[in-house]
């Protein structure tokens, strides 16, 4: 449901809009929404150009952000050729829509969200007339491609992707990415340190606020409810969670477990087949995608949040925001033991298991169930870490960066 701009967040006089390009459905992308809504709340208008689903209106306003939905749709789980065509179609349409809107909107900045990295060049017509480009690198595209399309990956393709990443960053005035590990990676590859910064992927505590929902005591209905809310793609190992539930049922049949999976993606069918093969389909429910606004309530109904991620060079520099969201909602968290998880969360906060280790994951579930005092202590310590990294803090630096680049002279 679209909502109009409130009187408390109207544009400050003299501030020109920011344009954002994102190859995604805007309402489903939490990072883009956090940034766009923060700009609007600070008095800076925002126009987002994104994908359009069947049945979506071509234009609308969501929480004060003007959304332009281009006639390109996502083909999740499709072949590489389909993805390339989709990326190209969006780049062309986004560039044309941006160019057409500029005489009327006079954008102060174009922020391009990747992937793909080359989407930065959709802003070329505005770049030529002096509008700065801010590149927001959500992923390490060369590593992401190798993880997502292993059969198509080879040294030549990898070098091409590294090249496209470098020239896209060079084209932009500034680049930001989602964590320090990603920024360090770019610097090691030769990107000047002054050109790249970090805008961390952290949740808004206003959105993920457990006080807004009815409190659930742990396993109050006799069932330990585990939640996963995210993409259903091979990067994540929901199948390992299902295997862990089967192992737990065999070893501890007195522990009743329910597993609620929220999201969509091309791995959903194969994971459902795993649940059937392991005889735990009665414990696993695939709910499909739910609106971003409904995710906190879904987590509030759970007892444990899981962030199961496979390990590869791509996930070595990634940190799932699901960990933060579960912790913000006061839930114990089980996550794959990955470098960024280890770096961000000290021992005695989240429970970890080695990627692929179903038995170790089952043991973590047992530990959470069997030791209420340790469970509550870990929840409190993890919540403190999340509070220190909340979007409400991170937004200050992001807004300052945008104002330093914006061409209308407005400063805060």
Protein backbone atom coordinates (compact mmCIF):
# COMPACT_ATOMS: atom_id res chain seq x y z
CA UNK A 1 0.00 0.00 0.00
CA UNK A 2 1.41 3.37 -1.00
CA UNK A 3 1.52 6.23 1.46
CA UNK A 4 1.82 9.94 0.79
CA UNK A 5 4.38 12.36 2.17
CA UNK A 6 3.57 13.61 5.67
CA UNK A 7 3.68 17.26 6.64
CA UNK A 8 6.66 16.63 8.95
CA UNK A 9 8.91 15.45 6.11
CA UNK A 10 8.28 17.96 3.33
CA UNK A 11 11.18 19.09 1.19
CA UNK A 12 13.35 21.89 2.50
CA UNK A 13 13.19 24.88 0.15
CA UNK A 14 16.11 25.01 -2.26
CA UNK A 15 17.04 21.34 -2.05
CA UNK A 16 16.90 19.60 -5.36
CA UNK A 17 15.90 15.93 -5.53
CA UNK A 18 18.19 12.92 -5.47
CA UNK A 19 17.59 10.28 -8.13
CA UNK A 20 18.19 6.62 -7.26
CA UNK A 21 18.53 3.79 -9.75
CA UNK A 22 18.06 0.22 -8.50
CA UNK A 23 17.61 -3.01 -10.42
CA UNK A 24 15.07 -4.27 -7.89
CA UNK A 25 11.50 -3.77 -6.77
CA UNK A 26 11.87 -0.73 -4.58
CA UNK A 27 9.43 -1.81 -1.89
CA UNK A 28 11.42 -5.05 -1.40
CA UNK A 29 14.91 -3.56 -1.01
CA UNK A 30 15.51 -2.57 2.62
CA UNK A 31 18.84 -0.78 2.01
CA UNK A 32 17.47 1.46 -0.72
CA UNK A 33 14.37 2.19 1.30
CA UNK A 34 16.34 3.11 4.42
CA UNK A 35 18.49 5.53 2.49
CA UNK A 36 15.65 7.07 0.47
CA UNK A 37 13.38 7.48 3.50
CA UNK A 38 16.21 9.05 5.52
CA UNK A 39 16.79 11.63 2.79
CA UNK A 40 13.08 12.47 2.63
CA UNK A 41 12.91 12.78 6.43
CA UNK A 42 15.84 15.22 6.24
CA UNK A 43 14.00 17.34 3.68
CA UNK A 44 15.64 16.07 0.48
CA UNK A 45 13.17 14.80 -2.17
CA UNK A 46 13.94 11.41 -3.72
CA UNK A 47 12.92 9.84 -7.02
CA UNK A 48 13.60 6.10 -7.33
CA UNK A 49 13.72 4.34 -10.70
CA UNK A 50 13.29 0.58 -10.28
CA UNK A 51 11.65 -2.55 -11.64
CA UNK A 52 7.93 -3.03 -12.18
CA UNK A 53 5.90 -6.13 -11.35
CA UNK A 54 2.78 -7.14 -13.24
CA UNK A 55 -0.09 -5.13 -11.83
CA UNK A 56 2.09 -2.36 -10.37
CA UNK A 57 1.31 1.24 -11.24
CA UNK A 58 4.09 2.90 -13.25
CA UNK A 59 4.38 5.70 -10.67
CA UNK A 60 3.58 6.09 -7.00
CA UNK A 61 4.64 7.48 -3.64
CA UNK A 62 5.74 5.23 -0.79
CA UNK A 63 6.55 6.83 2.56
CA UNK A 64 7.29 10.12 0.84
CA UNK A 65 9.54 8.63 -1.85
CA UNK A 66 8.48 9.05 -5.47
CA UNK A 67 8.78 5.69 -7.22
CA UNK A 68 9.03 5.29 -10.99
CA UNK A 69 8.59 1.66 -12.04
CA UNK A 70 10.14 0.89 -15.39
CA UNK A 71 8.80 -1.81 -17.67
CA UNK A 72 11.43 -4.41 -16.71
CA UNK A 73 10.74 -7.47 -14.57
CA UNK A 74 13.04 -9.71 -12.57
CA UNK A 75 13.56 -13.28 -13.78
CA UNK A 76 14.87 -14.90 -10.63
CA UNK A 77 16.44 -18.28 -11.24
CA UNK A 78 16.72 -17.73 -15.00
CA UNK A 79 19.78 -18.44 -17.11
CA UNK A 80 22.71 -16.09 -17.48
CA UNK A 81 21.58 -14.84 -20.89
CA UNK A 82 18.22 -13.78 -19.49
CA UNK A 83 19.94 -11.90 -16.66
CA UNK A 84 22.25 -10.07 -19.07
CA UNK A 85 19.34 -9.04 -21.28
CA UNK A 86 17.39 -7.90 -18.22
CA UNK A 87 20.33 -5.83 -16.94
CA UNK A 88 20.82 -4.21 -20.34
CA UNK A 89 17.13 -3.43 -20.74
CA UNK A 90 17.02 -1.80 -17.33
CA UNK A 91 20.18 0.23 -17.94
CA UNK A 92 18.75 1.63 -21.19
CA UNK A 93 15.32 2.37 -19.76
CA UNK A 94 16.71 3.88 -16.56
CA UNK A 95 19.04 6.16 -18.52
CA UNK A 96 16.21 7.33 -20.76
CA UNK A 97 13.78 7.88 -17.88
CA UNK A 98 16.41 9.77 -15.88
CA UNK A 99 17.29 11.96 -18.87
CA UNK A 100 13.64 12.75 -19.57
CA UNK A 101 12.97 13.66 -15.94
CA UNK A 102 16.01 15.89 -15.49
CA UNK A 103 14.75 19.10 -17.17
CA UNK A 104 11.80 19.11 -14.79
CA UNK A 105 13.41 17.71 -11.62
CA UNK A 106 16.99 19.11 -11.91
CA UNK A 107 18.54 16.35 -9.81
CA UNK A 108 21.30 17.31 -7.39
CA UNK A 109 22.77 13.79 -7.32
CA UNK A 110 22.27 10.38 -8.92
CA UNK A 111 22.79 7.42 -6.59
CA UNK A 112 23.20 4.14 -8.43
CA UNK A 113 22.62 0.91 -6.50
CA UNK A 114 24.34 -2.20 -7.82
CA UNK A 115 24.41 -4.87 -9.13
CA UNK A 116 25.15 -4.55 -11.97
CA UNK A 117 28.15 -2.26 -11.55
CA UNK A 118 27.84 -0.92 -15.10
CA UNK A 119 24.44 0.53 -14.18
CA UNK A 120 26.50 3.56 -13.14
CA UNK A 121 26.66 4.50 -16.83
CA UNK A 122 22.89 4.95 -16.96
CA UNK A 123 23.73 8.29 -15.36
CA UNK A 124 26.06 9.33 -18.19
CA UNK A 125 23.74 11.97 -19.73
CA UNK A 126 23.40 13.71 -16.35
CA UNK A 127 27.08 13.26 -15.57
CA UNK A 128 27.86 15.19 -18.76
CA UNK A 129 25.92 18.20 -17.48
CA UNK A 130 27.62 18.17 -14.09
CA UNK A 131 25.37 16.02 -11.92
CA UNK A 132 27.54 13.90 -9.57
CA UNK A 133 27.20 10.11 -9.36
CA UNK A 134 27.30 8.17 -6.09
CA UNK A 135 27.83 4.45 -6.63
CA UNK A 136 26.38 2.19 -3.92
CA UNK A 137 27.97 -1.25 -4.23
CA UNK A 138 25.66 -3.74 -2.52
CA UNK A 139 27.76 -6.73 -3.57
CA UNK A 140 31.28 -7.61 -4.67
CA UNK A 141 30.10 -8.34 -8.20
CA UNK A 142 33.03 -10.51 -9.40
CA UNK A 143 32.75 -12.78 -6.35
CA UNK A 144 28.95 -12.71 -6.48
CA UNK A 145 28.99 -13.86 -10.11
CA UNK A 146 31.40 -16.70 -9.36
CA UNK A 147 29.14 -17.82 -6.50
CA UNK A 148 25.86 -17.49 -8.41
CA UNK A 149 26.99 -18.77 -11.83
CA UNK A 150 29.86 -21.19 -11.17
CA UNK A 151 29.58 -22.90 -14.56
CA UNK A 152 29.94 -19.62 -16.46
CA UNK A 153 32.76 -18.35 -14.29
CA UNK A 154 36.32 -18.49 -15.59
CA UNK A 155 39.45 -16.31 -15.30
CA UNK A 156 38.53 -14.20 -18.34
CA UNK A 157 35.00 -13.49 -17.09
CA UNK A 158 36.39 -12.71 -13.63
CA UNK A 159 38.85 -10.18 -15.07
CA UNK A 160 36.07 -8.58 -17.12
CA UNK A 161 33.94 -8.18 -14.01
CA UNK A 162 36.86 -6.69 -12.09
CA UNK A 163 37.38 -4.27 -14.97
CA UNK A 164 33.69 -3.28 -15.03
CA UNK A 165 33.80 -2.73 -11.28
CA UNK A 166 36.87 -0.50 -11.56
CA UNK A 167 35.61 1.64 -14.44
CA UNK A 168 32.21 2.07 -12.78
CA UNK A 169 33.88 3.33 -9.61
CA UNK A 170 36.17 5.59 -11.67
CA UNK A 171 33.13 7.02 -13.46
CA UNK A 172 31.43 7.98 -10.18
CA UNK A 173 32.47 10.84 -7.90
CA UNK A 174 32.28 8.59 -4.86
CA UNK A 175 31.51 4.98 -4.04
CA UNK A 176 30.15 3.40 -0.90
CA UNK A 177 29.75 -0.21 0.06
CA UNK A 178 28.12 -2.17 2.85
CA UNK A 179 30.97 -3.00 5.24
CA UNK A 180 34.65 -2.38 5.89
CA UNK A 181 35.70 -5.76 4.48
CA UNK A 182 34.16 -4.83 1.13
CA UNK A 183 35.85 -1.42 1.22
CA UNK A 184 39.22 -3.00 2.09
CA UNK A 185 38.81 -5.40 -0.81
CA UNK A 186 38.36 -2.48 -3.23
CA UNK A 187 41.38 -0.68 -1.85
CA UNK A 188 43.50 -3.84 -2.27
CA UNK A 189 42.36 -3.89 -5.89
CA UNK A 190 43.67 -0.38 -6.41
CA UNK A 191 40.69 1.89 -5.72
CA UNK A 192 41.94 5.08 -3.98
CA UNK A 193 41.01 4.99 -0.31
CA UNK A 194 39.56 8.51 -0.42
CA UNK A 195 37.04 7.49 -3.06
CA UNK A 196 35.33 4.62 -1.24
CA UNK A 197 33.43 4.71 2.03
CA UNK A 198 31.11 2.51 4.07
CA UNK A 199 27.38 2.86 4.65
CA UNK A 200 26.70 -0.23 6.73
CA UNK A 201 23.73 -2.51 6.17
CA UNK A 202 22.10 -2.10 9.55
CA UNK A 203 18.41 -2.24 10.46
CA UNK A 204 16.25 0.64 11.49
CA UNK A 205 15.35 0.15 15.14
CA UNK A 206 12.20 2.17 14.52
CA UNK A 207 11.06 -0.57 12.15
CA UNK A 208 12.51 -3.53 14.06
CA UNK A 209 11.13 -2.58 17.46
CA UNK A 210 9.87 -5.54 19.54
CA UNK A 211 7.76 -3.22 21.68
CA UNK A 212 5.38 -2.79 18.75
CA UNK A 213 4.33 -6.43 18.88
CA UNK A 214 2.87 -8.85 21.37
CA UNK A 215 5.69 -10.49 23.29
CA UNK A 216 6.11 -14.22 22.80
CA UNK A 217 7.70 -16.19 25.61
CA UNK A 218 10.08 -18.87 24.41
CA UNK A 219 8.19 -21.87 22.95
CA UNK A 220 5.03 -20.72 24.72
CA UNK A 221 2.83 -23.02 22.64
CA UNK A 222 5.10 -26.02 23.14
CA UNK A 223 6.83 -25.58 19.78
CA UNK A 224 10.23 -23.98 19.20
CA UNK A 225 9.55 -21.72 16.25
CA UNK A 226 12.51 -20.96 13.99
CA UNK A 227 12.32 -18.21 11.38
CA UNK A 228 14.24 -17.43 8.23
CA UNK A 229 13.36 -14.24 6.33
CA UNK A 230 15.38 -13.64 3.19
CA UNK A 231 16.17 -14.73 -0.33
CA UNK A 232 15.63 -18.36 -1.27
CA UNK A 233 18.75 -18.73 -3.40
CA UNK A 234 21.71 -21.12 -3.34
CA UNK A 235 23.83 -18.57 -1.45
CA UNK A 236 21.85 -19.53 1.62
CA UNK A 237 21.59 -23.03 3.07
CA UNK A 238 18.04 -23.37 4.28
CA UNK A 239 18.39 -27.02 3.32
CA UNK A 240 20.99 -27.40 6.09
CA UNK A 241 18.47 -26.00 8.59
CA UNK A 242 15.96 -28.60 7.38
CA UNK A 243 18.58 -31.34 7.78
CA UNK A 244 19.29 -30.06 11.30
CA UNK A 245 15.60 -30.24 12.20
CA UNK A 246 15.51 -33.84 10.99
CA UNK A 247 18.61 -34.67 13.07
CA UNK A 248 17.12 -32.96 16.11
CA UNK A 249 13.85 -34.84 15.73
CA UNK A 250 15.75 -38.14 15.70
CA UNK A 251 17.96 -37.27 18.69
CA UNK A 252 15.52 -35.24 20.80
CA UNK A 253 11.95 -36.08 19.77
CA UNK A 254 10.61 -34.24 22.81
CA UNK A 255 11.71 -30.91 21.25
CA UNK A 256 8.99 -29.90 18.84
CA UNK A 257 10.24 -27.55 16.13
CA UNK A 258 8.43 -25.45 13.54
CA UNK A 259 10.40 -23.74 10.77
CA UNK A 260 8.84 -20.71 9.03
CA UNK A 261 10.53 -19.63 5.80
CA UNK A 262 9.68 -16.18 4.42
CA UNK A 263 10.92 -15.17 0.99
CA UNK A 264 11.09 -16.29 -2.59
CA UNK A 265 13.71 -17.59 -4.95
CA UNK A 266 14.72 -20.39 -7.25
CA UNK A 267 15.87 -22.74 -4.47
CA UNK A 268 12.46 -22.97 -2.75
CA UNK A 269 11.29 -26.04 -4.64
CA UNK A 270 14.45 -28.05 -4.02
CA UNK A 271 14.38 -27.15 -0.31
CA UNK A 272 10.76 -28.25 -0.04
CA UNK A 273 11.84 -31.56 -1.59
CA UNK A 274 14.54 -31.91 1.09
CA UNK A 275 11.89 -31.46 3.78
CA UNK A 276 9.79 -34.22 2.20
CA UNK A 277 12.75 -36.56 1.79
CA UNK A 278 13.81 -36.09 5.42
CA UNK A 279 10.26 -36.60 6.68
CA UNK A 280 9.91 -33.15 8.29
CA UNK A 281 7.60 -31.46 5.83
CA UNK A 282 5.06 -31.11 8.64
CA UNK A 283 7.54 -28.88 10.49
CA UNK A 284 8.50 -26.62 7.57
CA UNK A 285 6.26 -23.91 6.11
CA UNK A 286 7.20 -21.85 3.07
CA UNK A 287 5.17 -18.65 3.32
CA UNK A 288 6.51 -16.97 0.18
CA UNK A 289 7.50 -13.34 0.04
CA UNK A 290 5.91 -11.01 2.57
CA UNK A 291 6.04 -7.19 2.49
CA UNK A 292 9.05 -5.62 4.16
CA UNK A 293 6.71 -3.99 6.67
CA UNK A 294 5.52 -7.42 7.82
CA UNK A 295 8.96 -8.93 8.45
CA UNK A 296 9.31 -7.62 12.05
CA UNK A 297 5.97 -9.13 13.04
CA UNK A 298 6.95 -12.48 11.48
CA UNK A 299 10.17 -12.46 13.53
CA UNK A 300 8.24 -11.48 16.65
CA UNK A 301 6.22 -14.70 16.31
CA UNK A 302 9.41 -16.80 16.32
CA UNK A 303 11.71 -18.08 19.08
CA UNK A 304 14.96 -18.32 17.09
CA UNK A 305 16.22 -16.57 13.96
CA UNK A 306 18.58 -18.34 11.56
CA UNK A 307 21.01 -16.81 9.06
CA UNK A 308 22.37 -19.90 7.25
CA UNK A 309 24.91 -18.94 4.59
CA UNK A 310 27.25 -21.02 2.49
CA UNK A 311 30.91 -20.06 2.57
CA UNK A 312 32.78 -18.90 -0.53
CA UNK A 313 34.86 -15.84 -1.51
CA UNK A 314 31.66 -13.82 -1.93
CA UNK A 315 30.26 -14.54 1.53
CA UNK A 316 33.69 -14.10 3.12
CA UNK A 317 33.18 -10.32 2.73
CA UNK A 318 29.42 -10.34 3.37
CA UNK A 319 27.36 -9.99 6.53
CA UNK A 320 23.70 -10.92 6.46
CA UNK A 321 21.42 -8.18 7.75
CA UNK A 322 19.14 -10.97 8.97
CA UNK A 323 21.44 -11.40 11.97
CA UNK A 324 20.84 -7.78 12.95
CA UNK A 325 17.11 -7.96 12.36
CA UNK A 326 16.57 -11.05 14.49
CA UNK A 327 18.72 -9.61 17.27
CA UNK A 328 16.93 -6.26 17.14
CA UNK A 329 13.68 -8.13 17.72
CA UNK A 330 15.14 -9.78 20.83
CA UNK A 331 15.55 -13.28 19.38
CA UNK A 332 18.50 -15.64 19.81
CA UNK A 333 20.36 -15.97 16.52
CA UNK A 334 22.09 -18.91 14.86
CA UNK A 335 24.39 -17.94 11.97
CA UNK A 336 26.98 -19.61 9.81
CA UNK A 337 30.50 -19.15 11.14
CA UNK A 338 31.79 -16.66 8.56
CA UNK A 339 34.59 -14.07 8.80
CA UNK A 340 32.27 -11.05 9.07
CA UNK A 341 30.06 -12.75 11.66
CA UNK A 342 33.11 -13.53 13.76
CA UNK A 343 34.44 -9.99 13.37
CA UNK A 344 31.14 -8.30 14.24
CA UNK A 345 29.77 -10.50 17.02
CA UNK A 346 31.89 -11.50 20.00
CA UNK A 347 31.65 -14.93 21.69
CA UNK A 348 28.57 -15.17 23.85
CA UNK A 349 26.35 -13.28 21.43
CA UNK A 350 25.14 -15.26 18.41
CA UNK A 351 25.39 -19.04 18.13
CA UNK A 352 27.43 -20.15 15.13
CA UNK A 353 27.99 -23.38 13.25
CA UNK A 354 30.36 -24.31 10.43
CA UNK A 355 28.61 -23.87 7.06
CA UNK A 356 27.14 -27.15 5.89
CA UNK A 357 27.15 -28.64 9.39
CA UNK A 358 23.59 -29.79 10.04
CA UNK A 359 24.54 -31.65 13.22
CA UNK A 360 26.33 -28.60 14.60
CA UNK A 361 23.30 -26.45 13.80
CA UNK A 362 21.06 -28.94 15.61
CA UNK A 363 23.38 -28.75 18.62
CA UNK A 364 23.04 -24.95 18.61
CA UNK A 365 19.25 -25.28 18.66
CA UNK A 366 19.53 -27.70 21.60
CA UNK A 367 21.79 -25.28 23.49
CA UNK A 368 19.31 -22.44 23.07
CA UNK A 369 16.43 -24.64 24.23
CA UNK A 370 18.25 -26.23 27.18
CA UNK A 371 19.83 -23.16 28.81
CA UNK A 372 17.35 -20.27 29.29
CA UNK A 373 19.81 -18.18 31.35
CA UNK A 374 22.53 -18.35 28.71
CA UNK A 375 19.93 -17.70 26.03
CA UNK A 376 18.73 -14.49 27.64
CA UNK A 377 22.27 -13.28 28.37
CA UNK A 378 23.28 -13.79 24.73
CA UNK A 379 20.17 -12.00 23.49
CA UNK A 380 20.97 -8.98 25.65
CA UNK A 381 24.61 -8.82 24.55
CA UNK A 382 23.71 -9.17 20.88
CA UNK A 383 21.01 -6.50 21.16
CA UNK A 384 23.58 -4.09 22.58
CA UNK A 385 25.84 -4.62 19.55
CA UNK A 386 22.93 -4.06 17.19
CA UNK A 387 21.87 -0.89 19.00
CA UNK A 388 25.36 0.52 18.54
CA UNK A 389 25.24 -0.18 14.80
CA UNK A 390 21.62 0.81 14.14
CA UNK A 391 20.61 2.66 10.99
CA UNK A 392 19.60 5.67 13.08
CA UNK A 393 23.34 6.13 13.80
CA UNK A 394 24.58 5.10 10.37
CA UNK A 395 22.21 7.50 8.62
CA UNK A 396 24.06 10.52 10.02
CA UNK A 397 27.17 9.78 7.96
CA UNK A 398 25.14 8.83 4.90
CA UNK A 399 23.19 12.10 4.95
CA UNK A 400 26.40 14.09 5.39
CA UNK A 401 27.92 12.34 2.37
CA UNK A 402 24.92 13.09 0.18
CA UNK A 403 24.92 16.74 1.20
CA UNK A 404 28.64 17.02 0.46
CA UNK A 405 28.03 15.77 -3.11
CA UNK A 406 24.70 17.44 -3.90
CA UNK A 407 25.03 20.26 -6.44
CA UNK A 408 22.38 22.67 -5.19
CA UNK A 409 24.61 24.17 -2.48
CA UNK A 410 22.35 23.06 0.38
CA UNK A 411 24.31 21.93 3.43
CA UNK A 412 23.29 20.73 6.86
